Amino acid sequence: MGAHPPIEAYDELDSTNAEARRRAEAGAGGPVWITALRQTAGHGRRGRPWTTSTGNLAATLLLTTDKPAAEAAQLSFVAALAAADLAQTCLGPGAARLKWPNDVMIHGRKAVGILVESGRRPDGTLWLAVGIGINLAHAPTNVERPATAFADHMAGPPPSPADALEVLATRFEHWRALWQAEGFAPIARGWTEVAQGLGETCVARLPNQTHTGIAEGLDLDGALRLRLDDGAVMRITAGDVFFGEA
């Protein structure tokens, strides 16, 4: 058993994030991992559906923090690093790259979805639901961007969801402890080491505009620095980024 919060496993839930939210709004604070073999109403960022097929991992960590909301959101990078560590463990060094802010790419295709939700508790602290979905056995086909699963790159069977979560939760705790003790700097360093596209042309699609520039790296709050054609640096704090489309 790794050094991580306890895990509660279910056969089926509507959504592990929804279950974490219900518990948080009822006063629970964790920390606890909630996982389900099947989700009937899983979702990702901007309400996009996230399907959990049999053999894939759906898990949410419910926890509380006294950090400000903007800082607490950095846990999405912690989750990405933990998921990348799991991918490297299963598929070998170099298999996983991180696309800003927290997409885990396996040989150029998305294999992991991360969604962090939060709310204010009566004592002023925040509850956080860090949801992580990983395509272990199957990848969806009806998605905006090409997806893949661990099984597509393994000679043998992929890890079971339970075994994968053991590794994921342990690596999450490793990175979370660093973040708690030292702030975002070690997370930014770890992210940069496995980042996709730094130094390359990047298209940033924001809610009301699109910008093209060179992706230079992270600011110490997690924003992506984009060097525009006129030399100015734009900080991207929300939106989608794409490489190889300029």
Foldseek 3Di string as FASTA:
>chain_A
DFPFFEEDEEAEDQAQLVVLVVCVVVPDADQYKYWYQFHNADAAPPRHGDGRDHQKTKMKTKHWDQDDPLQVVCLLLLLLLLVLVLLCVLQNPPQWFAEPPRFTAGVRAGFKGWHKDWDADPVGIIIIIIIMIGQAPDDDDPDPTHHDHSCVRDPDHGDGNVVSVVSSRNSSVVSVVCCVVPNQVVSQVSNVVRHPQAQAWKWWDDPPDIFIAHFHGADRSRWTWGQHPVRDTDTHDDTDMDGPPD
